Amino acid sequence: MGGSVAVIDYGMGNLHSVASALEHAGAEAVHVSCDPAVLRAADRVVFPGVGAIRDCMAEIRRLGCDELLQTALTAQHKPVLAICVGMQALLDSSEENGGVPCLGFLEGEVRFLGEGLRSAAGERLKVPHMGWNEVRQRRPHPLWDGIADGTRFYFVHSYYVHAANRDLVAGSVDYGVSIDAALARDNLFAVQFHPEKSHRAGLRLLRNFLAWDGSC
């Protein structure tokens, strides 16, 4: 199922846990690589990431991963799944590290969660947002197939995405503020949470990605 998957390797993130989860979900072949030939030959692409956005963006650009990702999204129109900092890197800019320009593939910004966050019940919330939280599905999408609205996924982040085009928001989560937990446009699906750490629900989302033809 799903043919071959290229996991873009720019040196940031636990790429092998993502690769292992994809294999467990049924991928026929998974390649962790930044080799242009490998990415061009893959049937679909995963763009993960953890860590500081400044370091991530420096490596993405140094290795030419931005151009490879652009090719996969537009020229080849492959299904692409972005995860965590990979999602944040798609936006125009991030407040992290004093302000960092990002790829600008999607209009919007990445904001700091802030200090003194409280839940609706008045409970103090810690930053980073770490642990399980309910994702509200804001519109139908093939990657939500078989996943109930309000299903819990695993998050680890101190910054969050706010998309300028609210029609792109496919899922949200509340953590003192409303967080865009999933964005979708054409053959791109991007999530703030970690499917590879989200047990059964995460594996279902990855299986859906492997079966997805890139249309909405």
N, C-alpha and C. Protein backbone atom coordinates (compact mmCIF):
# COMPACT_ATOMS: atom_id res chain seq x y z
N MET A 1 0.84 -1.19 0.00
CA MET A 1 0.00 0.00 0.00
C MET A 1 0.87 1.25 0.00
N GLY A 2 0.52 2.22 -0.80
CA GLY A 2 1.17 3.51 -0.73
C GLY A 2 2.46 3.63 -1.50
N GLY A 3 2.97 2.50 -2.09
CA GLY A 3 4.20 2.59 -2.84
C GLY A 3 5.36 3.03 -1.97
N SER A 4 6.28 3.82 -2.55
CA SER A 4 7.47 4.26 -1.83
C SER A 4 7.24 5.64 -1.21
N VAL A 5 7.84 5.83 -0.04
CA VAL A 5 7.72 7.09 0.68
C VAL A 5 9.11 7.63 0.96
N ALA A 6 9.33 8.89 0.64
CA ALA A 6 10.59 9.55 0.99
C ALA A 6 10.35 10.43 2.21
N VAL A 7 11.12 10.22 3.26
CA VAL A 7 11.11 11.07 4.44
C VAL A 7 12.28 12.04 4.30
N ILE A 8 11.98 13.34 4.15
CA ILE A 8 13.03 14.32 3.89
C ILE A 8 13.95 14.44 5.11
N ASP A 9 15.23 14.19 4.87
CA ASP A 9 16.24 14.20 5.94
C ASP A 9 17.09 15.46 5.83
N TYR A 10 16.83 16.43 6.73
CA TYR A 10 17.70 17.60 6.79
C TYR A 10 18.36 17.69 8.17
N GLY A 11 18.44 16.53 8.83
CA GLY A 11 19.19 16.42 10.07
C GLY A 11 18.46 16.84 11.32
N MET A 12 17.15 17.07 11.22
CA MET A 12 16.38 17.52 12.38
C MET A 12 15.21 16.57 12.64
N GLY A 13 15.17 16.02 13.83
CA GLY A 13 14.02 15.19 14.19
C GLY A 13 14.36 13.72 14.25
N ASN A 14 13.50 12.97 14.90
CA ASN A 14 13.66 11.53 15.02
C ASN A 14 13.07 10.88 13.77
N LEU A 15 13.83 10.97 12.69
CA LEU A 15 13.31 10.54 11.39
C LEU A 15 13.04 9.05 11.33
N HIS A 16 13.82 8.29 12.09
CA HIS A 16 13.65 6.84 11.99
C HIS A 16 12.38 6.36 12.71
N SER A 17 11.91 7.11 13.71
CA SER A 17 10.63 6.75 14.32
C SER A 17 9.49 7.02 13.34
N VAL A 18 9.62 8.09 12.55
CA VAL A 18 8.63 8.36 11.50
C VAL A 18 8.68 7.25 10.45
N ALA A 19 9.88 6.88 10.03
CA ALA A 19 10.02 5.83 9.03
C ALA A 19 9.46 4.50 9.54
N SER A 20 9.76 4.17 10.79
CA SER A 20 9.26 2.93 11.37
C SER A 20 7.73 2.91 11.42
N ALA A 21 7.13 4.04 11.80
CA ALA A 21 5.67 4.12 11.85
C ALA A 21 5.06 3.96 10.46
N LEU A 22 5.70 4.55 9.45
CA LEU A 22 5.21 4.40 8.07
C LEU A 22 5.29 2.94 7.62
N GLU A 23 6.37 2.27 7.97
CA GLU A 23 6.49 0.85 7.64
C GLU A 23 5.41 0.03 8.33
N HIS A 24 5.17 0.35 9.61
CA HIS A 24 4.14 -0.35 10.37
C HIS A 24 2.75 -0.09 9.79
N ALA A 25 2.57 1.11 9.22
CA ALA A 25 1.28 1.45 8.61
C ALA A 25 1.07 0.79 7.26
N GLY A 26 2.13 0.22 6.68
CA GLY A 26 1.97 -0.53 5.45
C GLY A 26 2.70 -0.01 4.24
N ALA A 27 3.61 0.96 4.42
CA ALA A 27 4.37 1.46 3.28
C ALA A 27 5.23 0.35 2.68
N GLU A 28 5.27 0.29 1.36
CA GLU A 28 6.06 -0.75 0.69
C GLU A 28 7.55 -0.51 0.84
N ALA A 29 7.95 0.75 0.81
CA ALA A 29 9.36 1.11 0.97
C ALA A 29 9.44 2.52 1.53
N VAL A 30 10.34 2.73 2.49
CA VAL A 30 10.53 4.04 3.11
C VAL A 30 12.01 4.42 2.99
N HIS A 31 12.27 5.60 2.45
CA HIS A 31 13.64 6.07 2.27
C HIS A 31 13.83 7.38 3.03
N VAL A 32 14.73 7.39 4.00
CA VAL A 32 15.07 8.61 4.73
C VAL A 32 16.26 9.23 4.02
N SER A 33 16.02 10.38 3.36
CA SER A 33 17.05 10.88 2.46
C SER A 33 16.80 12.34 2.10
N CYS A 34 17.87 13.04 1.69
CA CYS A 34 17.73 14.35 1.05
C CYS A 34 18.29 14.29 -0.37
N ASP A 35 18.51 13.08 -0.87
CA ASP A 35 19.00 12.88 -2.23
C ASP A 35 17.89 13.26 -3.22
N PRO A 36 18.13 14.23 -4.10
CA PRO A 36 17.07 14.65 -5.03
C PRO A 36 16.51 13.50 -5.86
N ALA A 37 17.37 12.56 -6.26
CA ALA A 37 16.90 11.44 -7.07
C ALA A 37 15.93 10.56 -6.29
N VAL A 38 16.21 10.36 -5.01
CA VAL A 38 15.34 9.54 -4.17
C VAL A 38 13.99 10.22 -3.98
N LEU A 39 14.01 11.53 -3.72
CA LEU A 39 12.75 12.25 -3.52
C LEU A 39 11.93 12.32 -4.80
N ARG A 40 12.59 12.50 -5.93
CA ARG A 40 11.86 12.56 -7.20
C ARG A 40 11.22 11.23 -7.54
N ALA A 41 11.87 10.13 -7.16
CA ALA A 41 11.37 8.80 -7.51
C ALA A 41 10.27 8.30 -6.58
N ALA A 42 10.17 8.86 -5.39
CA ALA A 42 9.19 8.38 -4.40
C ALA A 42 7.76 8.71 -4.84
N ASP A 43 6.83 7.89 -4.39
CA ASP A 43 5.42 8.10 -4.71
C ASP A 43 4.78 9.18 -3.84
N ARG A 44 5.32 9.36 -2.64
CA ARG A 44 4.79 10.37 -1.72
C ARG A 44 5.91 10.82 -0.79
N VAL A 45 5.72 11.96 -0.14
CA VAL A 45 6.80 12.59 0.63
C VAL A 45 6.30 12.97 2.02
N VAL A 46 7.15 12.74 3.02
CA VAL A 46 6.88 13.18 4.40
C VAL A 46 7.94 14.20 4.78
N PHE A 47 7.49 15.32 5.34
CA PHE A 47 8.37 16.43 5.71
C PHE A 47 8.27 16.65 7.22
N PRO A 48 9.12 15.96 8.01
CA PRO A 48 9.02 16.05 9.48
C PRO A 48 9.92 17.15 10.02
N GLY A 49 10.05 17.19 11.34
CA GLY A 49 10.97 18.12 11.95
C GLY A 49 10.67 18.37 13.42
N VAL A 50 11.74 18.52 14.19
CA VAL A 50 11.65 18.99 15.58
C VAL A 50 12.84 19.90 15.81
N GLY A 51 12.76 20.72 16.86
CA GLY A 51 13.87 21.59 17.19
C GLY A 51 13.58 23.03 16.87
N ALA A 52 14.61 23.87 16.97
CA ALA A 52 14.48 25.30 16.76
C ALA A 52 14.31 25.61 15.27
N ILE A 53 13.37 26.48 14.94
CA ILE A 53 13.06 26.76 13.55
C ILE A 53 14.23 27.40 12.81
N ARG A 54 15.02 28.22 13.49
CA ARG A 54 16.16 28.86 12.82
C ARG A 54 17.14 27.81 12.29
N ASP A 55 17.47 26.82 13.12
CA ASP A 55 18.38 25.76 12.69
C ASP A 55 17.75 24.91 11.59
N CYS A 56 16.46 24.63 11.73
CA CYS A 56 15.77 23.83 10.71
C CYS A 56 15.78 24.54 9.36
N MET A 57 15.43 25.83 9.35
CA MET A 57 15.38 26.56 8.09
C MET A 57 16.76 26.66 7.45
N ALA A 58 17.79 26.83 8.26
CA ALA A 58 19.15 26.91 7.72
C ALA A 58 19.52 25.63 6.98
N GLU A 59 19.19 24.48 7.58
CA GLU A 59 19.53 23.20 6.95
C GLU A 59 18.63 22.90 5.76
N ILE A 60 17.35 23.25 5.86
CA ILE A 60 16.43 23.04 4.74
C ILE A 60 16.95 23.77 3.50
N ARG A 61 17.38 25.01 3.68
CA ARG A 61 17.85 25.80 2.54
C ARG A 61 19.25 25.35 2.09
N ARG A 62 20.12 25.03 3.03
CA ARG A 62 21.49 24.60 2.67
C ARG A 62 21.47 23.35 1.81
N LEU A 63 20.57 22.43 2.16
CA LEU A 63 20.50 21.15 1.45
C LEU A 63 19.58 21.19 0.23
N GLY A 64 18.91 22.32 0.02
CA GLY A 64 18.01 22.42 -1.12
C GLY A 64 16.70 21.69 -0.93
N CYS A 65 16.35 21.39 0.32
CA CYS A 65 15.10 20.67 0.58
C CYS A 65 13.88 21.52 0.25
N ASP A 66 14.04 22.85 0.32
CA ASP A 66 12.91 23.72 -0.04
C ASP A 66 12.53 23.54 -1.50
N GLU A 67 13.53 23.45 -2.38
CA GLU A 67 13.27 23.27 -3.81
C GLU A 67 12.71 21.87 -4.09
N LEU A 68 13.23 20.87 -3.39
CA LEU A 68 12.73 19.51 -3.57
C LEU A 68 11.28 19.40 -3.13
N LEU A 69 10.95 20.06 -2.02
CA LEU A 69 9.58 20.04 -1.53
C LEU A 69 8.65 20.77 -2.50
N GLN A 70 9.09 21.90 -3.01
CA GLN A 70 8.29 22.64 -3.98
C GLN A 70 8.01 21.81 -5.22
N THR A 71 9.01 21.07 -5.68
CA THR A 71 8.84 20.21 -6.85
C THR A 71 7.82 19.11 -6.58
N ALA A 72 7.92 18.48 -5.40
CA ALA A 72 6.98 17.41 -5.05
C ALA A 72 5.55 17.94 -4.98
N LEU A 73 5.38 19.15 -4.44
CA LEU A 73 4.04 19.71 -4.24
C LEU A 73 3.41 20.18 -5.55
N THR A 74 4.21 20.79 -6.41
CA THR A 74 3.63 21.46 -7.58
C THR A 74 3.92 20.72 -8.88
N ALA A 75 5.18 20.56 -9.24
CA ALA A 75 5.51 19.95 -10.53
C ALA A 75 5.09 18.49 -10.59
N GLN A 76 5.32 17.75 -9.50
CA GLN A 76 4.98 16.32 -9.49
C GLN A 76 3.63 16.03 -8.86
N HIS A 77 3.11 16.97 -8.12
CA HIS A 77 1.80 16.84 -7.46
C HIS A 77 1.67 15.53 -6.67
N LYS A 78 2.67 15.28 -5.84
CA LYS A 78 2.65 14.08 -5.00
C LYS A 78 1.95 14.38 -3.68
N PRO A 79 1.35 13.38 -3.05
CA PRO A 79 0.85 13.56 -1.69
C PRO A 79 2.00 13.87 -0.74
N VAL A 80 1.86 14.94 0.04
CA VAL A 80 2.90 15.36 0.98
C VAL A 80 2.27 15.52 2.36
N LEU A 81 2.94 14.94 3.37
CA LEU A 81 2.52 15.07 4.76
C LEU A 81 3.62 15.79 5.52
N ALA A 82 3.30 16.95 6.11
CA ALA A 82 4.25 17.70 6.93
C ALA A 82 3.88 17.50 8.40
N ILE A 83 4.91 17.35 9.25
CA ILE A 83 4.70 17.03 10.66
C ILE A 83 5.46 18.00 11.56
N CYS A 84 4.77 18.57 12.55
CA CYS A 84 5.34 19.41 13.61
C CYS A 84 6.12 20.59 13.04
N VAL A 85 7.44 20.67 13.23
CA VAL A 85 8.20 21.80 12.70
C VAL A 85 8.17 21.80 11.18
N GLY A 86 8.00 20.63 10.57
CA GLY A 86 7.80 20.58 9.12
C GLY A 86 6.58 21.37 8.72
N MET A 87 5.51 21.28 9.50
CA MET A 87 4.31 22.09 9.26
C MET A 87 4.63 23.57 9.44
N GLN A 88 5.29 23.92 10.55
CA GLN A 88 5.58 25.32 10.84
C GLN A 88 6.46 25.95 9.76
N ALA A 89 7.37 25.18 9.21
CA ALA A 89 8.28 25.70 8.18
C ALA A 89 7.56 26.10 6.90
N LEU A 90 6.35 25.60 6.69
CA LEU A 90 5.60 25.90 5.48
C LEU A 90 5.03 27.32 5.49
N LEU A 91 4.93 27.94 6.67
CA LEU A 91 4.29 29.25 6.81
C LEU A 91 5.25 30.37 6.39
N ASP A 92 4.75 31.61 6.43
CA ASP A 92 5.57 32.76 6.03
C ASP A 92 6.70 33.04 7.00
N SER A 93 6.40 32.98 8.31
CA SER A 93 7.40 33.37 9.30
C SER A 93 7.06 32.76 10.65
N SER A 94 8.07 32.75 11.54
CA SER A 94 7.90 32.26 12.90
C SER A 94 8.44 33.28 13.89
N GLU A 95 7.77 33.41 15.03
CA GLU A 95 8.25 34.29 16.10
C GLU A 95 9.44 33.70 16.84
N GLU A 96 9.70 32.42 16.66
CA GLU A 96 10.79 31.76 17.39
C GLU A 96 12.14 32.35 17.01
N ASN A 97 13.09 32.29 17.94
CA ASN A 97 14.46 32.77 17.72
C ASN A 97 14.51 34.23 17.28
N GLY A 98 13.58 35.03 17.79
CA GLY A 98 13.57 36.46 17.47
C GLY A 98 12.95 36.81 16.13
N GLY A 99 12.37 35.82 15.49
CA GLY A 99 11.73 36.05 14.19
C GLY A 99 12.54 35.42 13.07
N VAL A 100 11.94 34.46 12.37
CA VAL A 100 12.64 33.72 11.31
C VAL A 100 11.74 33.62 10.08
N PRO A 101 12.23 34.02 8.90
CA PRO A 101 11.47 33.80 7.68
C PRO A 101 11.41 32.30 7.36
N CYS A 102 10.22 31.84 6.99
CA CYS A 102 10.05 30.43 6.65
C CYS A 102 9.82 30.27 5.15
N LEU A 103 9.25 29.18 4.70
CA LEU A 103 9.18 28.87 3.28
C LEU A 103 8.12 29.66 2.53
N GLY A 104 7.06 30.08 3.22
CA GLY A 104 6.02 30.85 2.56
C GLY A 104 5.16 30.06 1.60
N PHE A 105 5.12 28.74 1.76
CA PHE A 105 4.23 27.92 0.91
C PHE A 105 2.77 28.14 1.30
N LEU A 106 2.52 28.44 2.58
CA LEU A 106 1.19 28.71 3.08
C LEU A 106 1.22 30.06 3.79
N GLU A 107 0.21 30.90 3.57
CA GLU A 107 0.18 32.22 4.21
C GLU A 107 -0.21 32.08 5.68
N GLY A 108 0.56 32.77 6.52
CA GLY A 108 0.28 32.74 7.95
C GLY A 108 1.56 32.82 8.74
N GLU A 109 1.44 32.70 10.06
CA GLU A 109 2.61 32.84 10.92
C GLU A 109 2.59 31.80 12.03
N VAL A 110 3.76 31.62 12.60
CA VAL A 110 3.93 30.72 13.74
C VAL A 110 4.15 31.59 14.97
N ARG A 111 3.30 31.41 15.98
CA ARG A 111 3.28 32.28 17.15
C ARG A 111 3.70 31.50 18.41
N PHE A 112 4.26 32.23 19.38
CA PHE A 112 4.59 31.65 20.68
C PHE A 112 3.30 31.42 21.46
N LEU A 113 3.22 30.29 22.12
CA LEU A 113 2.02 29.99 22.91
C LEU A 113 1.81 31.01 24.03
N GLY A 114 2.89 31.56 24.56
CA GLY A 114 2.75 32.62 25.54
C GLY A 114 2.89 32.16 26.98
N GLU A 115 2.81 33.12 27.88
CA GLU A 115 2.90 32.84 29.31
C GLU A 115 1.51 32.96 29.94
N GLY A 116 1.32 32.31 31.06
CA GLY A 116 0.08 32.44 31.81
C GLY A 116 -1.13 31.84 31.11
N LEU A 117 -0.91 30.82 30.31
CA LEU A 117 -2.03 30.16 29.64
C LEU A 117 -2.93 29.47 30.66
N ARG A 118 -4.23 29.54 30.42
CA ARG A 118 -5.18 28.84 31.27
C ARG A 118 -6.23 28.15 30.42
N SER A 119 -6.69 27.01 30.92
CA SER A 119 -7.76 26.27 30.25
C SER A 119 -9.08 26.99 30.45
N ALA A 120 -10.11 26.50 29.78
CA ALA A 120 -11.45 27.09 29.93
C ALA A 120 -11.92 26.99 31.38
N ALA A 121 -11.41 26.00 32.10
CA ALA A 121 -11.79 25.81 33.51
C ALA A 121 -10.92 26.63 34.46
N GLY A 122 -9.96 27.39 33.92
CA GLY A 122 -9.10 28.22 34.75
C GLY A 122 -7.82 27.55 35.20
N GLU A 123 -7.58 26.34 34.75
CA GLU A 123 -6.36 25.61 35.13
C GLU A 123 -5.15 26.17 34.39
N ARG A 124 -4.04 26.34 35.10
CA ARG A 124 -2.81 26.82 34.46
C ARG A 124 -2.27 25.75 33.51
N LEU A 125 -1.81 26.20 32.37
CA LEU A 125 -1.30 25.29 31.35
C LEU A 125 0.20 25.53 31.14
N LYS A 126 0.95 24.46 31.06
CA LYS A 126 2.40 24.56 30.91
C LYS A 126 2.78 24.73 29.43
N VAL A 127 3.90 25.40 29.21
CA VAL A 127 4.52 25.49 27.90
C VAL A 127 5.91 24.86 28.02
N PRO A 128 6.28 23.92 27.16
CA PRO A 128 5.57 23.52 25.95
C PRO A 128 4.29 22.73 26.21
N HIS A 129 3.42 22.78 25.21
CA HIS A 129 2.23 21.93 25.15
C HIS A 129 2.73 20.53 24.85
N MET A 130 2.68 19.68 25.84
CA MET A 130 3.24 18.33 25.70
C MET A 130 2.25 17.30 26.22
N GLY A 131 1.84 16.41 25.35
CA GLY A 131 0.93 15.34 25.74
C GLY A 131 -0.24 15.22 24.79
N TRP A 132 -1.26 14.52 25.25
CA TRP A 132 -2.41 14.19 24.42
C TRP A 132 -3.46 15.30 24.48
N ASN A 133 -4.06 15.57 23.32
CA ASN A 133 -5.11 16.58 23.28
C ASN A 133 -6.09 16.23 22.15
N GLU A 134 -7.33 16.68 22.33
CA GLU A 134 -8.40 16.35 21.37
C GLU A 134 -8.33 17.26 20.16
N VAL A 135 -8.31 16.66 18.99
CA VAL A 135 -8.29 17.41 17.74
C VAL A 135 -9.70 17.47 17.17
N ARG A 136 -10.17 18.69 16.94
CA ARG A 136 -11.49 18.91 16.34
C ARG A 136 -11.33 19.02 14.83
N GLN A 137 -12.05 18.19 14.12
CA GLN A 137 -11.97 18.21 12.66
C GLN A 137 -12.84 19.34 12.12
N ARG A 138 -12.22 20.27 11.41
CA ARG A 138 -12.92 21.46 10.93
C ARG A 138 -13.51 21.29 9.55
N ARG A 139 -13.04 20.30 8.81
CA ARG A 139 -13.66 19.99 7.52
C ARG A 139 -13.28 18.57 7.13
N PRO A 140 -14.08 17.94 6.29
CA PRO A 140 -13.77 16.57 5.88
C PRO A 140 -12.47 16.51 5.07
N HIS A 141 -11.79 15.40 5.21
CA HIS A 141 -10.57 15.18 4.42
C HIS A 141 -10.29 13.68 4.41
N PRO A 142 -9.73 13.15 3.31
CA PRO A 142 -9.42 11.72 3.26
C PRO A 142 -8.52 11.24 4.40
N LEU A 143 -7.67 12.11 4.96
CA LEU A 143 -6.80 11.65 6.04
C LEU A 143 -7.53 11.51 7.37
N TRP A 144 -8.76 12.02 7.45
CA TRP A 144 -9.58 11.81 8.65
C TRP A 144 -10.42 10.54 8.55
N ASP A 145 -10.32 9.81 7.47
CA ASP A 145 -11.17 8.63 7.29
C ASP A 145 -10.98 7.64 8.44
N GLY A 146 -12.08 7.25 9.08
CA GLY A 146 -12.02 6.28 10.17
C GLY A 146 -11.52 6.85 11.48
N ILE A 147 -11.31 8.16 11.56
CA ILE A 147 -10.83 8.82 12.79
C ILE A 147 -11.95 9.72 13.30
N ALA A 148 -12.45 9.45 14.47
CA ALA A 148 -13.58 10.21 15.02
C ALA A 148 -13.17 11.63 15.37
N ASP A 149 -14.11 12.55 15.20
CA ASP A 149 -13.90 13.93 15.64
C ASP A 149 -13.62 13.92 17.15
N GLY A 150 -12.62 14.69 17.57
CA GLY A 150 -12.27 14.72 18.99
C GLY A 150 -11.26 13.66 19.40
N THR A 151 -10.74 12.89 18.45
CA THR A 151 -9.71 11.90 18.76
C THR A 151 -8.47 12.59 19.29
N ARG A 152 -7.82 11.95 20.25
CA ARG A 152 -6.64 12.54 20.89
C ARG A 152 -5.36 12.13 20.13
N PHE A 153 -4.53 13.16 19.89
CA PHE A 153 -3.22 12.96 19.28
C PHE A 153 -2.16 13.55 20.20
N TYR A 154 -0.90 13.17 19.94
CA TYR A 154 0.20 13.57 20.83
C TYR A 154 0.92 14.81 20.30
N PHE A 155 1.08 15.81 21.17
CA PHE A 155 1.69 17.09 20.82
C PHE A 155 2.95 17.33 21.65
N VAL A 156 3.93 18.01 21.02
CA VAL A 156 5.09 18.55 21.74
C VAL A 156 5.50 19.83 21.02
N HIS A 157 5.15 21.00 21.55
CA HIS A 157 5.52 22.24 20.88
C HIS A 157 5.28 23.44 21.80
N SER A 158 6.05 24.50 21.54
CA SER A 158 5.89 25.77 22.26
C SER A 158 5.38 26.88 21.33
N TYR A 159 5.38 26.62 20.05
CA TYR A 159 4.91 27.57 19.04
C TYR A 159 3.80 26.91 18.24
N TYR A 160 2.91 27.73 17.70
CA TYR A 160 1.76 27.16 17.00
C TYR A 160 1.45 27.95 15.73
N VAL A 161 0.81 27.28 14.80
CA VAL A 161 0.48 27.86 13.51
C VAL A 161 -0.84 28.61 13.56
N HIS A 162 -0.85 29.78 12.92
CA HIS A 162 -2.10 30.49 12.67
C HIS A 162 -2.13 30.82 11.18
N ALA A 163 -2.98 30.12 10.43
CA ALA A 163 -3.07 30.30 8.98
C ALA A 163 -3.88 31.55 8.65
N ALA A 164 -3.41 32.31 7.67
CA ALA A 164 -4.14 33.50 7.23
C ALA A 164 -5.44 33.12 6.53
N ASN A 165 -5.39 32.06 5.74
CA ASN A 165 -6.58 31.56 5.05
C ASN A 165 -7.25 30.51 5.93
N ARG A 166 -8.35 30.87 6.56
CA ARG A 166 -8.98 29.97 7.51
C ARG A 166 -9.64 28.77 6.81
N ASP A 167 -9.82 28.84 5.51
CA ASP A 167 -10.37 27.71 4.77
C ASP A 167 -9.40 26.54 4.73
N LEU A 168 -8.13 26.78 5.01
CA LEU A 168 -7.13 25.72 5.00
C LEU A 168 -7.16 24.87 6.26
N VAL A 169 -7.81 25.35 7.31
CA VAL A 169 -7.77 24.66 8.60
C VAL A 169 -8.63 23.40 8.56
N ALA A 170 -7.98 22.26 8.69
CA ALA A 170 -8.68 20.98 8.67
C ALA A 170 -8.87 20.41 10.07
N GLY A 171 -8.13 20.96 11.04
CA GLY A 171 -8.27 20.49 12.41
C GLY A 171 -7.73 21.52 13.38
N SER A 172 -8.29 21.58 14.57
CA SER A 172 -7.82 22.53 15.58
C SER A 172 -7.80 21.86 16.94
N VAL A 173 -7.06 22.50 17.85
CA VAL A 173 -6.97 22.00 19.22
C VAL A 173 -6.94 23.21 20.14
N ASP A 174 -7.52 23.09 21.31
CA ASP A 174 -7.51 24.17 22.29
C ASP A 174 -6.46 23.91 23.36
N TYR A 175 -5.62 24.93 23.58
CA TYR A 175 -4.66 24.86 24.68
C TYR A 175 -4.42 26.29 25.17
N GLY A 176 -5.45 26.85 25.78
CA GLY A 176 -5.39 28.24 26.20
C GLY A 176 -5.65 29.19 25.05
N VAL A 177 -5.24 28.81 23.86
CA VAL A 177 -5.54 29.49 22.61
C VAL A 177 -6.01 28.43 21.62
N SER A 178 -6.64 28.87 20.54
CA SER A 178 -7.02 27.94 19.49
C SER A 178 -5.85 27.75 18.54
N ILE A 179 -5.43 26.50 18.38
CA ILE A 179 -4.25 26.14 17.59
C ILE A 179 -4.71 25.44 16.31
N ASP A 180 -4.13 25.86 15.18
CA ASP A 180 -4.39 25.14 13.93
C ASP A 180 -3.58 23.84 13.96
N ALA A 181 -4.26 22.74 14.25
CA ALA A 181 -3.58 21.45 14.42
C ALA A 181 -3.39 20.73 13.10
N ALA A 182 -4.16 21.09 12.06
CA ALA A 182 -4.02 20.46 10.75
C ALA A 182 -4.43 21.47 9.68
N LEU A 183 -3.61 21.55 8.63
CA LEU A 183 -3.91 22.38 7.47
C LEU A 183 -3.91 21.49 6.24
N ALA A 184 -4.78 21.80 5.29
CA ALA A 184 -4.86 21.00 4.07
C ALA A 184 -5.08 21.91 2.87
N ARG A 185 -4.28 21.67 1.84
CA ARG A 185 -4.48 22.35 0.56
C ARG A 185 -4.00 21.44 -0.56
N ASP A 186 -4.90 21.13 -1.47
CA ASP A 186 -4.57 20.28 -2.62
C ASP A 186 -3.92 18.98 -2.13
N ASN A 187 -2.68 18.72 -2.55
CA ASN A 187 -1.99 17.47 -2.21
C ASN A 187 -1.13 17.57 -0.96
N LEU A 188 -1.35 18.61 -0.16
CA LEU A 188 -0.58 18.80 1.08
C LEU A 188 -1.49 18.67 2.29
N PHE A 189 -1.03 17.89 3.28
CA PHE A 189 -1.69 17.81 4.58
C PHE A 189 -0.61 18.01 5.62
N ALA A 190 -0.81 18.95 6.54
CA ALA A 190 0.20 19.30 7.53
C ALA A 190 -0.40 19.23 8.92
N VAL A 191 0.33 18.65 9.87
CA VAL A 191 -0.18 18.48 11.23
C VAL A 191 0.84 18.96 12.25
N GLN A 192 0.34 19.58 13.33
CA GLN A 192 1.21 19.99 14.43
C GLN A 192 1.54 18.82 15.34
N PHE A 193 0.63 17.87 15.46
CA PHE A 193 0.86 16.71 16.33
C PHE A 193 1.77 15.70 15.65
N HIS A 194 2.14 14.68 16.40
CA HIS A 194 3.04 13.63 15.90
C HIS A 194 2.25 12.34 15.66
N PRO A 195 1.92 12.02 14.42
CA PRO A 195 1.22 10.75 14.17
C PRO A 195 2.04 9.54 14.62
N GLU A 196 3.36 9.63 14.47
CA GLU A 196 4.21 8.49 14.81
C GLU A 196 4.25 8.21 16.31
N LYS A 197 3.76 9.17 17.14
CA LYS A 197 3.70 8.98 18.59
C LYS A 197 2.27 8.85 19.09
N SER A 198 1.31 8.80 18.16
CA SER A 198 -0.10 8.87 18.54
C SER A 198 -0.82 7.52 18.47
N HIS A 199 -0.03 6.44 18.59
CA HIS A 199 -0.59 5.09 18.73
C HIS A 199 -1.59 4.76 17.61
N ARG A 200 -2.73 4.23 17.95
CA ARG A 200 -3.66 3.71 16.96
C ARG A 200 -4.18 4.79 16.02
N ALA A 201 -4.52 5.95 16.57
CA ALA A 201 -5.05 7.03 15.74
C ALA A 201 -3.98 7.54 14.77
N GLY A 202 -2.75 7.63 15.25
CA GLY A 202 -1.67 8.07 14.38
C GLY A 202 -1.40 7.10 13.26
N LEU A 203 -1.43 5.81 13.57
CA LEU A 203 -1.23 4.81 12.52
C LEU A 203 -2.35 4.86 11.50
N ARG A 204 -3.58 5.10 11.96
CA ARG A 204 -4.70 5.20 11.02
C ARG A 204 -4.49 6.39 10.08
N LEU A 205 -4.04 7.52 10.63
CA LEU A 205 -3.79 8.68 9.78
C LEU A 205 -2.69 8.38 8.77
N LEU A 206 -1.65 7.68 9.19
CA LEU A 206 -0.57 7.33 8.26
C LEU A 206 -1.05 6.35 7.20
N ARG A 207 -1.90 5.40 7.59
CA ARG A 207 -2.48 4.49 6.58
C ARG A 207 -3.32 5.27 5.57
N ASN A 208 -4.08 6.23 6.07
CA ASN A 208 -4.89 7.06 5.18
C ASN A 208 -3.97 7.84 4.21
N PHE A 209 -2.84 8.33 4.73
CA PHE A 209 -1.90 9.04 3.88
C PHE A 209 -1.35 8.12 2.79
N LEU A 210 -1.04 6.89 3.15
CA LEU A 210 -0.50 5.94 2.18
C LEU A 210 -1.51 5.56 1.10
N ALA A 211 -2.79 5.69 1.42
CA ALA A 211 -3.84 5.36 0.45
C ALA A 211 -4.31 6.59 -0.33
N TRP A 212 -3.86 7.77 0.08
CA TRP A 212 -4.35 9.03 -0.47
C TRP A 212 -3.73 9.33 -1.82
N ASP A 213 -4.56 9.78 -2.78
CA ASP A 213 -4.05 10.10 -4.11
C ASP A 213 -3.71 11.59 -4.26
N GLY A 214 -3.86 12.35 -3.18
CA GLY A 214 -3.52 13.76 -3.23
C GLY A 214 -4.67 14.68 -3.56
N SER A 215 -5.85 14.12 -3.72
CA SER A 215 -7.02 14.97 -3.99
C SER A 215 -7.86 15.09 -2.72
N CYS A 216 -8.64 16.16 -2.64
CA CYS A 216 -9.47 16.39 -1.45
C CYS A 216 -10.93 16.05 -1.74
